[in-house]
Amino acid sequence: MSHIFERKGILRLLVFAVLLILLPYTLIAAERKRNTFYDAYVEKYSDLAISHMKKYKVPASITLAQGLLESGAGRSSLTLRSNNHFGIKCHNGWKGESVIAADDTPNDCFRKYKKAEDSFDDHSRFLSEKQRYSDLFSLDITDYRGWARGLQKAGYATDKAYANKLIKLIEDYELYRYDKKGGKRDVEREEIQIITPVVPSGVRHIPYKTHGLVYVVAQRDDSYASIASEFGFKVKDLCEYNEVPDNFPIQEGDLIYFQKKKKKADKPYYEHVVQVGESMYSISQLYGIKVNNLYKMNKRDFEYVPVEGDILRLR
């Protein structure tokens, strides 16, 4: 066992040798106000979303987030009239009942269902059977960010912030938890060869420094628990540094900080132009800024969803 502790000791020295020159910062997490109607909707339909994920391979988080967004947590006038939870229009070939409601035009035709379960089933089949969504099914079942971007790119909705809204809902209401219950799709991926400095054997990650902060780049199948164990951190501390709950999923390429983030970005990073699939959290990670400070600098409340093309202040 002594060699294990020796290796962890070396890793801690590598990290803290860099940390010694950095000033401490105070973590102020953004207050996340949860909508009780949204929580009730998720509680009601999560099992249904998971069962459809296992059958159709659509992430439960995506199904729930789209249901929340499209139906207003089941409370929109369209949903109350038609049991349509996903805003699916009639399109060619629809032979069921329909209702007329204003959307892109004053008189758009929407599908009507006998019960909510029929709407969920039609949504899963709609995505799995339409060719324009076929690329999404090559993604890991836990890649909700990729799915959200893909849905917007494929034209599921005309809203330029559609992907970002889905991602915000999934992260705010921790909907990613339901994807884990369905496991991952087996997808063959080309192995990426990375040339790295010489480090103790058995180490998966190399500590780097950016924006004056020490971090590692996440690899596939990482978790906060596995990275914390590798470097001898407490999981709760690592999660606190990165402003996430302990069950927050990590995706390949994410930056995982080993210390508290800053109040503003370093020079010369003054502004950020929002891209499709970005959230305030992902932008804060990119520049090592506390989420709460990013909201404050831009005079936005927590309900704000960044839209593609928006310009955000970073300092």
C-alpha atoms as a PDB file:
ATOM      1  CA  MET A   1       0.000   0.000   0.000  1.00  0.00           C
ATOM      2  CA  SER A   2       2.946   2.340   0.616  1.00  0.00           C
ATOM      3  CA  HIS A   3       3.566   2.882  -3.116  1.00  0.00           C
ATOM      4  CA  ILE A   4      -0.032   4.107  -3.537  1.00  0.00           C
ATOM      5  CA  PHE A   5       0.351   6.741  -0.856  1.00  0.00           C
ATOM      6  CA  GLU A   6       3.776   7.674  -2.260  1.00  0.00           C
ATOM      7  CA  ARG A   7       2.309   8.215  -5.721  1.00  0.00           C
ATOM      8  CA  LYS A   8      -0.559  10.336  -4.368  1.00  0.00           C
ATOM      9  CA  GLY A   9       1.964  12.313  -2.374  1.00  0.00           C
ATOM     10  CA  ILE A  10       3.937  13.089  -5.523  1.00  0.00           C
ATOM     11  CA  LEU A  11       0.734  14.164  -7.297  1.00  0.00           C
ATOM     12  CA  ARG A  12      -0.241  16.454  -4.450  1.00  0.00           C
ATOM     13  CA  LEU A  13       3.209  18.040  -4.580  1.00  0.00           C
ATOM     14  CA  LEU A  14       2.866  18.596  -8.335  1.00  0.00           C
ATOM     15  CA  VAL A  15      -0.436  20.361  -7.844  1.00  0.00           C
ATOM     16  CA  PHE A  16       0.365  22.378  -4.757  1.00  0.00           C
ATOM     17  CA  ALA A  17       3.743  23.503  -6.073  1.00  0.00           C
ATOM     18  CA  VAL A  18       1.724  25.526  -8.564  1.00  0.00           C
ATOM     19  CA  LEU A  19      -0.962  26.493  -6.068  1.00  0.00           C
ATOM     20  CA  LEU A  20       1.534  28.100  -3.677  1.00  0.00           C
ATOM     21  CA  ILE A  21       1.993  31.091  -5.959  1.00  0.00           C
ATOM     22  CA  LEU A  22      -1.736  31.743  -6.317  1.00  0.00           C
ATOM     23  CA  LEU A  23      -3.943  33.941  -4.139  1.00  0.00           C
ATOM     24  CA  PRO A  24      -6.969  32.363  -2.411  1.00  0.00           C
ATOM     25  CA  TYR A  25     -10.450  33.214  -3.615  1.00  0.00           C
ATOM     26  CA  THR A  26     -13.858  32.930  -1.968  1.00  0.00           C
ATOM     27  CA  LEU A  27     -16.464  30.726  -3.620  1.00  0.00           C
ATOM     28  CA  ILE A  28     -19.915  32.246  -4.035  1.00  0.00           C
ATOM     29  CA  ALA A  29     -22.237  29.808  -5.773  1.00  0.00           C
ATOM     30  CA  ALA A  30     -25.160  31.171  -7.740  1.00  0.00           C
ATOM     31  CA  GLU A  31     -28.508  30.677  -6.056  1.00  0.00           C
ATOM     32  CA  ARG A  32     -30.565  28.284  -8.100  1.00  0.00           C
ATOM     33  CA  LYS A  33     -34.282  28.881  -7.723  1.00  0.00           C
ATOM     34  CA  ARG A  34     -36.270  25.775  -8.570  1.00  0.00           C
ATOM     35  CA  ASN A  35     -39.772  25.898  -9.974  1.00  0.00           C
ATOM     36  CA  THR A  36     -42.022  23.552  -7.978  1.00  0.00           C
ATOM     37  CA  PHE A  37     -44.156  22.850 -11.055  1.00  0.00           C
ATOM     38  CA  TYR A  38     -41.019  21.739 -12.912  1.00  0.00           C
ATOM     39  CA  ASP A  39     -39.997  19.458 -10.047  1.00  0.00           C
ATOM     40  CA  ALA A  40     -43.473  17.920  -9.984  1.00  0.00           C
ATOM     41  CA  TYR A  41     -43.381  17.359 -13.763  1.00  0.00           C
ATOM     42  CA  VAL A  42     -40.021  15.597 -13.551  1.00  0.00           C
ATOM     43  CA  GLU A  43     -41.241  13.438 -10.662  1.00  0.00           C
ATOM     44  CA  LYS A  44     -44.349  12.484 -12.627  1.00  0.00           C
ATOM     45  CA  TYR A  45     -42.723  11.630 -15.949  1.00  0.00           C
ATOM     46  CA  SER A  46     -39.144  10.558 -15.140  1.00  0.00           C
ATOM     47  CA  ASP A  47     -39.937   6.827 -15.117  1.00  0.00           C
ATOM     48  CA  LEU A  48     -41.684   7.172 -18.468  1.00  0.00           C
ATOM     49  CA  ALA A  49     -38.703   9.048 -19.914  1.00  0.00           C
ATOM     50  CA  ILE A  50     -36.302   6.357 -18.657  1.00  0.00           C
ATOM     51  CA  SER A  51     -38.385   3.538 -20.139  1.00  0.00           C
ATOM     52  CA  HIS A  52     -38.432   5.314 -23.512  1.00  0.00           C
ATOM     53  CA  MET A  53     -34.660   5.867 -23.289  1.00  0.00           C
ATOM     54  CA  LYS A  54     -34.134   2.128 -22.913  1.00  0.00           C
ATOM     55  CA  LYS A  55     -36.454   1.401 -25.834  1.00  0.00           C
ATOM     56  CA  TYR A  56     -35.654   4.215 -28.283  1.00  0.00           C
ATOM     57  CA  LYS A  57     -32.180   5.391 -27.098  1.00  0.00           C
ATOM     58  CA  VAL A  58     -33.268   9.019 -26.595  1.00  0.00           C
ATOM     59  CA  PRO A  59     -31.661  10.390 -23.388  1.00  0.00           C
ATOM     60  CA  ALA A  60     -34.187  10.734 -20.573  1.00  0.00           C
ATOM     61  CA  SER A  61     -32.704  14.132 -19.738  1.00  0.00           C
ATOM     62  CA  ILE A  62     -33.458  15.391 -23.250  1.00  0.00           C
ATOM     63  CA  THR A  63     -37.005  14.018 -23.184  1.00  0.00           C
ATOM     64  CA  LEU A  64     -37.718  15.639 -19.813  1.00  0.00           C
ATOM     65  CA  ALA A  65     -36.074  18.943 -20.734  1.00  0.00           C
ATOM     66  CA  GLN A  66     -37.995  19.162 -24.010  1.00  0.00           C
ATOM     67  CA  GLY A  67     -41.211  18.278 -22.205  1.00  0.00           C
ATOM     68  CA  LEU A  68     -40.607  20.999 -19.617  1.00  0.00           C
ATOM     69  CA  LEU A  69     -39.732  23.583 -22.245  1.00  0.00           C
ATOM     70  CA  GLU A  70     -42.329  22.756 -24.890  1.00  0.00           C
ATOM     71  CA  SER A  71     -45.258  22.183 -22.521  1.00  0.00           C
ATOM     72  CA  GLY A  72     -44.444  24.666 -19.752  1.00  0.00           C
ATOM     73  CA  ALA A  73     -44.238  21.688 -17.378  1.00  0.00           C
ATOM     74  CA  GLY A  74     -47.570  20.404 -18.718  1.00  0.00           C
ATOM     75  CA  ARG A  75     -49.362  23.693 -18.075  1.00  0.00           C
ATOM     76  CA  SER A  76     -49.359  25.378 -21.511  1.00  0.00           C
ATOM     77  CA  SER A  77     -52.695  25.929 -23.228  1.00  0.00           C
ATOM     78  CA  LEU A  78     -51.632  23.703 -26.140  1.00  0.00           C
ATOM     79  CA  THR A  79     -50.730  20.837 -23.805  1.00  0.00           C
ATOM     80  CA  LEU A  80     -53.916  21.170 -21.781  1.00  0.00           C
ATOM     81  CA  ARG A  81     -55.969  21.070 -24.984  1.00  0.00           C
ATOM     82  CA  SER A  82     -54.107  18.305 -26.784  1.00  0.00           C
ATOM     83  CA  ASN A  83     -51.827  16.353 -24.386  1.00  0.00           C
ATOM     84  CA  ASN A  84     -49.045  17.427 -26.766  1.00  0.00           C
ATOM     85  CA  HIS A  85     -45.976  17.769 -24.518  1.00  0.00           C
ATOM     86  CA  PHE A  86     -43.368  18.292 -27.249  1.00  0.00           C
ATOM     87  CA  GLY A  87     -44.870  20.818 -29.638  1.00  0.00           C
ATOM     88  CA  ILE A  88     -44.905  18.309 -32.511  1.00  0.00           C
ATOM     89  CA  LYS A  89     -46.839  19.636 -35.476  1.00  0.00           C
ATOM     90  CA  CYS A  90     -49.056  17.592 -37.762  1.00  0.00           C
ATOM     91  CA  HIS A  91     -46.638  17.310 -40.708  1.00  0.00           C
ATOM     92  CA  ASN A  92     -47.427  15.213 -43.752  1.00  0.00           C
ATOM     93  CA  GLY A  93     -48.848  11.789 -43.052  1.00  0.00           C
ATOM     94  CA  TRP A  94     -50.342  12.529 -39.608  1.00  0.00           C
ATOM     95  CA  LYS A  95     -53.702  10.749 -39.434  1.00  0.00           C
ATOM     96  CA  GLY A  96     -54.630  11.383 -35.825  1.00  0.00           C
ATOM     97  CA  GLU A  97     -56.559  14.207 -34.226  1.00  0.00           C
ATOM     98  CA  SER A  98     -55.216  17.747 -34.283  1.00  0.00           C
ATOM     99  CA  VAL A  99     -55.654  21.216 -32.810  1.00  0.00           C
ATOM    100  CA  ILE A 100     -54.931  24.658 -34.247  1.00  0.00           C
ATOM    101  CA  ALA A 101     -52.690  27.046 -32.316  1.00  0.00           C
ATOM    102  CA  ALA A 102     -50.462  30.025 -33.022  1.00  0.00           C
ATOM    103  CA  ASP A 103     -46.752  29.358 -33.423  1.00  0.00           C
ATOM    104  CA  ASP A 104     -44.760  30.174 -36.564  1.00  0.00           C
ATOM    105  CA  THR A 105     -48.092  31.225 -38.095  1.00  0.00           C
ATOM    106  CA  PRO A 106     -51.421  32.113 -36.438  1.00  0.00           C
ATOM    107  CA  ASN A 107     -52.947  28.783 -37.494  1.00  0.00           C
ATOM    108  CA  ASP A 108     -50.396  26.012 -37.105  1.00  0.00           C
ATOM    109  CA  CYS A 109     -51.610  22.421 -36.873  1.00  0.00           C
ATOM    110  CA  PHE A 110     -50.450  20.403 -33.852  1.00  0.00           C
ATOM    111  CA  ARG A 111     -50.910  16.733 -33.075  1.00  0.00           C
ATOM    112  CA  LYS A 112     -53.469  15.785 -30.429  1.00  0.00           C
ATOM    113  CA  TYR A 113     -53.192  12.716 -28.190  1.00  0.00           C
ATOM    114  CA  LYS A 114     -55.587  10.865 -25.920  1.00  0.00           C
ATOM    115  CA  LYS A 115     -53.100  10.888 -23.045  1.00  0.00           C
ATOM    116  CA  ALA A 116     -49.650  12.234 -22.146  1.00  0.00           C
ATOM    117  CA  GLU A 117     -48.049   8.800 -22.525  1.00  0.00           C
ATOM    118  CA  ASP A 118     -49.011   8.771 -26.221  1.00  0.00           C
ATOM    119  CA  SER A 119     -47.246  12.107 -26.676  1.00  0.00           C
ATOM    120  CA  PHE A 120     -44.045  10.786 -25.061  1.00  0.00           C
ATOM    121  CA  ASP A 121     -44.126   7.687 -27.268  1.00  0.00           C
ATOM    122  CA  ASP A 122     -44.711   9.720 -30.425  1.00  0.00           C
ATOM    123  CA  HIS A 123     -41.843  12.054 -29.480  1.00  0.00           C
ATOM    124  CA  SER A 124     -39.404   9.150 -29.124  1.00  0.00           C
ATOM    125  CA  ARG A 125     -40.498   7.612 -32.412  1.00  0.00           C
ATOM    126  CA  PHE A 126     -40.444  11.017 -34.115  1.00  0.00           C
ATOM    127  CA  LEU A 127     -36.755  11.441 -33.242  1.00  0.00           C
ATOM    128  CA  SER A 128     -35.710   7.844 -33.868  1.00  0.00           C
ATOM    129  CA  GLU A 129     -37.483   7.500 -37.227  1.00  0.00           C
ATOM    130  CA  LYS A 130     -36.664  10.880 -38.811  1.00  0.00           C
ATOM    131  CA  GLN A 131     -33.498  10.820 -40.931  1.00  0.00           C
ATOM    132  CA  ARG A 132     -32.513  14.366 -39.958  1.00  0.00           C
ATOM    133  CA  TYR A 133     -32.015  13.256 -36.332  1.00  0.00           C
ATOM    134  CA  SER A 134     -30.114  10.065 -37.156  1.00  0.00           C
ATOM    135  CA  ASP A 135     -26.668  11.507 -36.315  1.00  0.00           C
ATOM    136  CA  LEU A 136     -27.775  12.061 -32.722  1.00  0.00           C
ATOM    137  CA  PHE A 137     -27.985   8.327 -32.104  1.00  0.00           C
ATOM    138  CA  SER A 138     -24.236   7.930 -32.601  1.00  0.00           C
ATOM    139  CA  LEU A 139     -23.693  10.038 -29.449  1.00  0.00           C
ATOM    140  CA  ASP A 140     -23.329   8.577 -25.968  1.00  0.00           C
ATOM    141  CA  ILE A 141     -26.648   8.399 -24.171  1.00  0.00           C
ATOM    142  CA  THR A 142     -25.173  10.709 -21.502  1.00  0.00           C
ATOM    143  CA  ASP A 143     -24.051  13.410 -23.962  1.00  0.00           C
ATOM    144  CA  TYR A 144     -26.992  15.758 -23.356  1.00  0.00           C
ATOM    145  CA  ARG A 145     -25.012  18.769 -24.608  1.00  0.00           C
ATOM    146  CA  GLY A 146     -24.380  17.080 -27.958  1.00  0.00           C
ATOM    147  CA  TRP A 147     -28.029  16.066 -28.201  1.00  0.00           C
ATOM    148  CA  ALA A 148     -29.215  19.599 -27.405  1.00  0.00           C
ATOM    149  CA  ARG A 149     -26.935  21.133 -30.043  1.00  0.00           C
ATOM    150  CA  GLY A 150     -27.950  18.470 -32.555  1.00  0.00           C
ATOM    151  CA  LEU A 151     -31.676  19.063 -32.042  1.00  0.00           C
ATOM    152  CA  GLN A 152     -31.263  22.770 -32.731  1.00  0.00           C
ATOM    153  CA  LYS A 153     -29.020  22.146 -35.744  1.00  0.00           C
ATOM    154  CA  ALA A 154     -31.518  19.652 -37.172  1.00  0.00           C
ATOM    155  CA  GLY A 155     -34.288  22.234 -36.892  1.00  0.00           C
ATOM    156  CA  TYR A 156     -36.449  20.837 -34.096  1.00  0.00           C
ATOM    157  CA  ALA A 157     -37.201  24.457 -33.116  1.00  0.00           C
ATOM    158  CA  THR A 158     -36.495  27.849 -34.670  1.00  0.00           C
ATOM    159  CA  ASP A 159     -35.449  29.410 -31.346  1.00  0.00           C
ATOM    160  CA  LYS A 160     -31.735  30.315 -31.567  1.00  0.00           C
ATOM    161  CA  ALA A 161     -31.396  29.635 -27.835  1.00  0.00           C
ATOM    162  CA  TYR A 162     -33.129  26.246 -27.987  1.00  0.00           C
ATOM    163  CA  ALA A 163     -30.050  24.117 -27.250  1.00  0.00           C
ATOM    164  CA  ASN A 164     -28.903  26.462 -24.491  1.00  0.00           C
ATOM    165  CA  LYS A 165     -32.347  26.394 -22.867  1.00  0.00           C
ATOM    166  CA  LEU A 166     -32.366  22.582 -22.829  1.00  0.00           C
ATOM    167  CA  ILE A 167     -28.884  22.462 -21.318  1.00  0.00           C
ATOM    168  CA  LYS A 168     -29.837  24.961 -18.625  1.00  0.00           C
ATOM    169  CA  LEU A 169     -32.918  22.923 -17.659  1.00  0.00           C
ATOM    170  CA  ILE A 170     -30.905  19.696 -17.563  1.00  0.00           C
ATOM    171  CA  GLU A 171     -28.237  21.235 -15.355  1.00  0.00           C
ATOM    172  CA  ASP A 172     -30.550  23.299 -13.120  1.00  0.00           C
ATOM    173  CA  TYR A 173     -32.852  20.350 -12.388  1.00  0.00           C
ATOM    174  CA  GLU A 174     -30.114  17.677 -12.488  1.00  0.00           C
ATOM    175  CA  LEU A 175     -31.943  15.753 -15.198  1.00  0.00           C
ATOM    176  CA  TYR A 176     -28.665  14.100 -16.221  1.00  0.00           C
ATOM    177  CA  ARG A 177     -29.184  11.752 -13.245  1.00  0.00           C
ATOM    178  CA  TYR A 178     -31.836   9.878 -15.206  1.00  0.00           C
ATOM    179  CA  ASP A 179     -29.509   9.144 -18.126  1.00  0.00           C
ATOM    180  CA  LYS A 180     -27.221   7.071 -15.895  1.00  0.00           C
ATOM    181  CA  LYS A 181     -30.074   4.709 -15.123  1.00  0.00           C
ATOM    182  CA  GLY A 182     -30.169   3.715 -18.782  1.00  0.00           C
ATOM    183  CA  GLY A 183     -26.479   3.048 -19.245  1.00  0.00           C
ATOM    184  CA  LYS A 184     -24.359   4.108 -22.202  1.00  0.00           C
ATOM    185  CA  ARG A 185     -24.690   3.256 -25.829  1.00  0.00           C
ATOM    186  CA  ASP A 186     -21.794   1.150 -27.098  1.00  0.00           C
ATOM    187  CA  VAL A 187     -20.174   3.436 -29.638  1.00  0.00           C
ATOM    188  CA  GLU A 188     -16.870   2.678 -31.283  1.00  0.00           C
ATOM    189  CA  ARG A 189     -14.515   5.621 -31.087  1.00  0.00           C
ATOM    190  CA  GLU A 190     -11.071   6.134 -32.517  1.00  0.00           C
ATOM    191  CA  GLU A 191      -8.440   6.196 -29.811  1.00  0.00           C
ATOM    192  CA  ILE A 192      -6.821   9.618 -29.458  1.00  0.00           C
ATOM    193  CA  GLN A 193      -3.083   9.586 -28.884  1.00  0.00           C
ATOM    194  CA  ILE A 194      -1.854  12.379 -26.645  1.00  0.00           C
ATOM    195  CA  ILE A 195       1.798  13.129 -25.986  1.00  0.00           C
ATOM    196  CA  THR A 196       2.192  14.091 -22.328  1.00  0.00           C
ATOM    197  CA  PRO A 197       5.055  14.824 -19.941  1.00  0.00           C
ATOM    198  CA  VAL A 198       6.535  11.979 -17.862  1.00  0.00           C
ATOM    199  CA  VAL A 199       4.506  11.530 -14.654  1.00  0.00           C
ATOM    200  CA  PRO A 200       4.157   8.793 -12.033  1.00  0.00           C
ATOM    201  CA  SER A 201       2.807   5.515 -13.426  1.00  0.00           C
ATOM    202  CA  GLY A 202      -0.940   4.999 -13.198  1.00  0.00           C
ATOM    203  CA  VAL A 203      -1.762   8.716 -13.543  1.00  0.00           C
ATOM    204  CA  ARG A 204      -4.506   9.532 -16.081  1.00  0.00           C
ATOM    205  CA  HIS A 205      -4.351  13.323 -15.960  1.00  0.00           C
ATOM    206  CA  ILE A 206      -1.689  16.001 -16.240  1.00  0.00           C
ATOM    207  CA  PRO A 207      -2.176  19.207 -14.203  1.00  0.00           C
ATOM    208  CA  TYR A 208      -2.022  22.390 -16.286  1.00  0.00           C
ATOM    209  CA  LYS A 209      -2.421  26.054 -15.470  1.00  0.00           C
ATOM    210  CA  THR A 210      -4.614  28.630 -17.224  1.00  0.00           C
ATOM    211  CA  HIS A 211      -6.108  31.932 -16.084  1.00  0.00           C
ATOM    212  CA  GLY A 212      -3.843  31.548 -13.055  1.00  0.00           C
ATOM    213  CA  LEU A 213      -5.688  28.368 -12.040  1.00  0.00           C
ATOM    214  CA  VAL A 214      -4.559  24.744 -11.872  1.00  0.00           C
ATOM    215  CA  TYR A 215      -6.781  22.272 -13.734  1.00  0.00           C
ATOM    216  CA  VAL A 216      -6.912  18.965 -15.567  1.00  0.00           C
ATOM    217  CA  VAL A 217      -8.715  18.103 -18.801  1.00  0.00           C
ATOM    218  CA  ALA A 218     -11.405  15.468 -18.299  1.00  0.00           C
ATOM    219  CA  GLN A 219     -11.195  12.209 -20.187  1.00  0.00           C
ATOM    220  CA  ARG A 220     -13.976   9.857 -21.192  1.00  0.00           C
ATOM    221  CA  ASP A 221     -15.690   8.086 -18.281  1.00  0.00           C
ATOM    222  CA  ASP A 222     -14.209  10.450 -15.682  1.00  0.00           C
ATOM    223  CA  SER A 223     -16.142  11.498 -12.589  1.00  0.00           C
ATOM    224  CA  TYR A 224     -15.445  13.972  -9.814  1.00  0.00           C
ATOM    225  CA  ALA A 225     -14.961  11.011  -7.501  1.00  0.00           C
ATOM    226  CA  SER A 226     -12.349   9.370  -9.737  1.00  0.00           C
ATOM    227  CA  ILE A 227     -10.359  12.581 -10.245  1.00  0.00           C
ATOM    228  CA  ALA A 228     -10.537  13.434  -6.543  1.00  0.00           C
ATOM    229  CA  SER A 229      -9.262   9.947  -5.693  1.00  0.00           C
ATOM    230  CA  GLU A 230      -6.440  10.181  -8.218  1.00  0.00           C
ATOM    231  CA  PHE A 231      -5.122  13.463  -6.788  1.00  0.00           C
ATOM    232  CA  GLY A 232      -5.985  12.910  -3.138  1.00  0.00           C
ATOM    233  CA  PHE A 233      -8.755  15.527  -2.923  1.00  0.00           C
ATOM    234  CA  LYS A 234     -12.048  15.228  -1.097  1.00  0.00           C
ATOM    235  CA  VAL A 235     -14.881  14.922  -3.602  1.00  0.00           C
ATOM    236  CA  LYS A 236     -16.868  17.695  -1.920  1.00  0.00           C
ATOM    237  CA  ASP A 237     -13.907  20.082  -2.198  1.00  0.00           C
ATOM    238  CA  LEU A 238     -13.376  19.368  -5.887  1.00  0.00           C
ATOM    239  CA  CYS A 239     -17.093  19.848  -6.551  1.00  0.00           C
ATOM    240  CA  GLU A 240     -17.054  23.083  -4.572  1.00  0.00           C
ATOM    241  CA  TYR A 241     -14.153  24.436  -6.616  1.00  0.00           C
ATOM    242  CA  ASN A 242     -16.108  23.693  -9.796  1.00  0.00           C
ATOM    243  CA  GLU A 243     -19.493  24.837  -8.398  1.00  0.00           C
ATOM    244  CA  VAL A 244     -21.364  21.604  -9.046  1.00  0.00           C
ATOM    245  CA  PRO A 245     -23.271  18.976  -7.026  1.00  0.00           C
ATOM    246  CA  ASP A 246     -21.365  15.756  -6.403  1.00  0.00           C
ATOM    247  CA  ASN A 247     -23.353  13.834  -9.031  1.00  0.00           C
ATOM    248  CA  PHE A 248     -22.690  16.316 -11.836  1.00  0.00           C
ATOM    249  CA  PRO A 249     -21.598  14.481 -15.013  1.00  0.00           C
ATOM    250  CA  ILE A 250     -18.233  15.149 -16.606  1.00  0.00           C
ATOM    251  CA  GLN A 251     -17.796  15.049 -20.356  1.00  0.00           C
ATOM    252  CA  GLU A 252     -14.566  14.523 -22.256  1.00  0.00           C
ATOM    253  CA  GLY A 253     -12.691  17.826 -22.650  1.00  0.00           C
ATOM    254  CA  ASP A 254     -14.232  19.579 -19.625  1.00  0.00           C
ATOM    255  CA  LEU A 255     -11.894  21.665 -17.480  1.00  0.00           C
ATOM    256  CA  ILE A 256     -11.798  20.522 -13.840  1.00  0.00           C
ATOM    257  CA  TYR A 257     -10.268  23.113 -11.515  1.00  0.00           C
ATOM    258  CA  PHE A 258      -8.242  22.268  -8.424  1.00  0.00           C
ATOM    259  CA  GLN A 259      -8.961  25.544  -6.660  1.00  0.00           C
ATOM    260  CA  LYS A 260     -11.662  28.171  -6.344  1.00  0.00           C
ATOM    261  CA  LYS A 261     -12.414  30.123  -9.492  1.00  0.00           C
ATOM    262  CA  LYS A 262     -11.899  33.866  -9.920  1.00  0.00           C
ATOM    263  CA  LYS A 263     -14.244  36.842  -9.789  1.00  0.00           C
ATOM    264  CA  LYS A 264     -13.377  37.895 -13.345  1.00  0.00           C
ATOM    265  CA  ALA A 265     -11.361  36.675 -16.304  1.00  0.00           C
ATOM    266  CA  ASP A 266      -7.711  37.530 -16.802  1.00  0.00           C
ATOM    267  CA  LYS A 267      -6.672  40.009 -19.458  1.00  0.00           C
ATOM    268  CA  PRO A 268      -6.971  40.046 -22.435  1.00  0.00           C
ATOM    269  CA  TYR A 269     -10.311  38.185 -22.091  1.00  0.00           C
ATOM    270  CA  TYR A 270     -12.852  41.001 -21.905  1.00  0.00           C
ATOM    271  CA  GLU A 271     -15.828  39.548 -23.767  1.00  0.00           C
ATOM    272  CA  HIS A 272     -17.245  36.217 -24.922  1.00  0.00           C
ATOM    273  CA  VAL A 273     -19.525  35.659 -27.922  1.00  0.00           C
ATOM    274  CA  VAL A 274     -22.056  32.938 -27.039  1.00  0.00           C
ATOM    275  CA  GLN A 275     -22.103  29.816 -29.205  1.00  0.00           C
ATOM    276  CA  VAL A 276     -24.809  27.169 -29.672  1.00  0.00           C
ATOM    277  CA  GLY A 277     -24.848  24.704 -26.784  1.00  0.00           C
ATOM    278  CA  GLU A 278     -23.218  26.984 -24.214  1.00  0.00           C
ATOM    279  CA  SER A 279     -24.583  27.766 -20.757  1.00  0.00           C
ATOM    280  CA  MET A 280     -23.532  30.334 -18.215  1.00  0.00           C
ATOM    281  CA  TYR A 281     -21.887  27.497 -16.320  1.00  0.00           C
ATOM    282  CA  SER A 282     -19.879  26.190 -19.296  1.00  0.00           C
ATOM    283  CA  ILE A 283     -18.724  29.738 -20.091  1.00  0.00           C
ATOM    284  CA  SER A 284     -17.680  30.255 -16.461  1.00  0.00           C
ATOM    285  CA  GLN A 285     -15.605  27.065 -16.639  1.00  0.00           C
ATOM    286  CA  LEU A 286     -13.973  28.139 -19.899  1.00  0.00           C
ATOM    287  CA  TYR A 287     -12.565  31.290 -18.298  1.00  0.00           C
ATOM    288  CA  GLY A 288     -12.258  30.137 -14.677  1.00  0.00           C
ATOM    289  CA  ILE A 289     -14.891  32.608 -13.434  1.00  0.00           C
ATOM    290  CA  LYS A 290     -17.427  32.029 -10.668  1.00  0.00           C
ATOM    291  CA  VAL A 291     -20.891  31.562 -12.118  1.00  0.00           C
ATOM    292  CA  ASN A 292     -22.450  34.107  -9.794  1.00  0.00           C
ATOM    293  CA  ASN A 293     -19.943  36.762 -10.854  1.00  0.00           C
ATOM    294  CA  LEU A 294     -20.626  36.106 -14.540  1.00  0.00           C
ATOM    295  CA  TYR A 295     -24.323  36.787 -13.944  1.00  0.00           C
ATOM    296  CA  LYS A 296     -23.555  39.930 -11.930  1.00  0.00           C
ATOM    297  CA  MET A 297     -21.081  41.378 -14.433  1.00  0.00           C
ATOM    298  CA  ASN A 298     -23.728  41.086 -17.133  1.00  0.00           C
ATOM    299  CA  LYS A 299     -26.601  42.294 -14.907  1.00  0.00           C
ATOM    300  CA  ARG A 300     -28.560  39.104 -15.524  1.00  0.00           C
ATOM    301  CA  ASP A 301     -30.684  37.062 -13.147  1.00  0.00           C
ATOM    302  CA  PHE A 302     -30.488  33.300 -12.896  1.00  0.00           C
ATOM    303  CA  GLU A 303     -33.376  32.801 -15.342  1.00  0.00           C
ATOM    304  CA  TYR A 304     -31.297  34.254 -18.201  1.00  0.00           C
ATOM    305  CA  VAL A 305     -30.399  31.842 -21.006  1.00  0.00           C
ATOM    306  CA  PRO A 306     -27.503  32.937 -23.241  1.00  0.00           C
ATOM    307  CA  VAL A 307     -28.470  33.095 -26.912  1.00  0.00           C
ATOM    308  CA  GLU A 308     -26.108  32.434 -29.799  1.00  0.00           C
ATOM    309  CA  GLY A 309     -24.458  35.738 -30.668  1.00  0.00           C
ATOM    310  CA  ASP A 310     -24.943  37.357 -27.255  1.00  0.00           C
ATOM    311  CA  ILE A 311     -21.847  39.193 -26.013  1.00  0.00           C
ATOM    312  CA  LEU A 312     -21.024  38.639 -22.340  1.00  0.00           C
ATOM    313  CA  ARG A 313     -18.619  40.671 -20.248  1.00  0.00           C
ATOM    314  CA  LEU A 314     -15.867  38.660 -18.593  1.00  0.00           C
ATOM    315  CA  ARG A 315     -14.265  41.363 -16.411  1.00  0.00           C
END
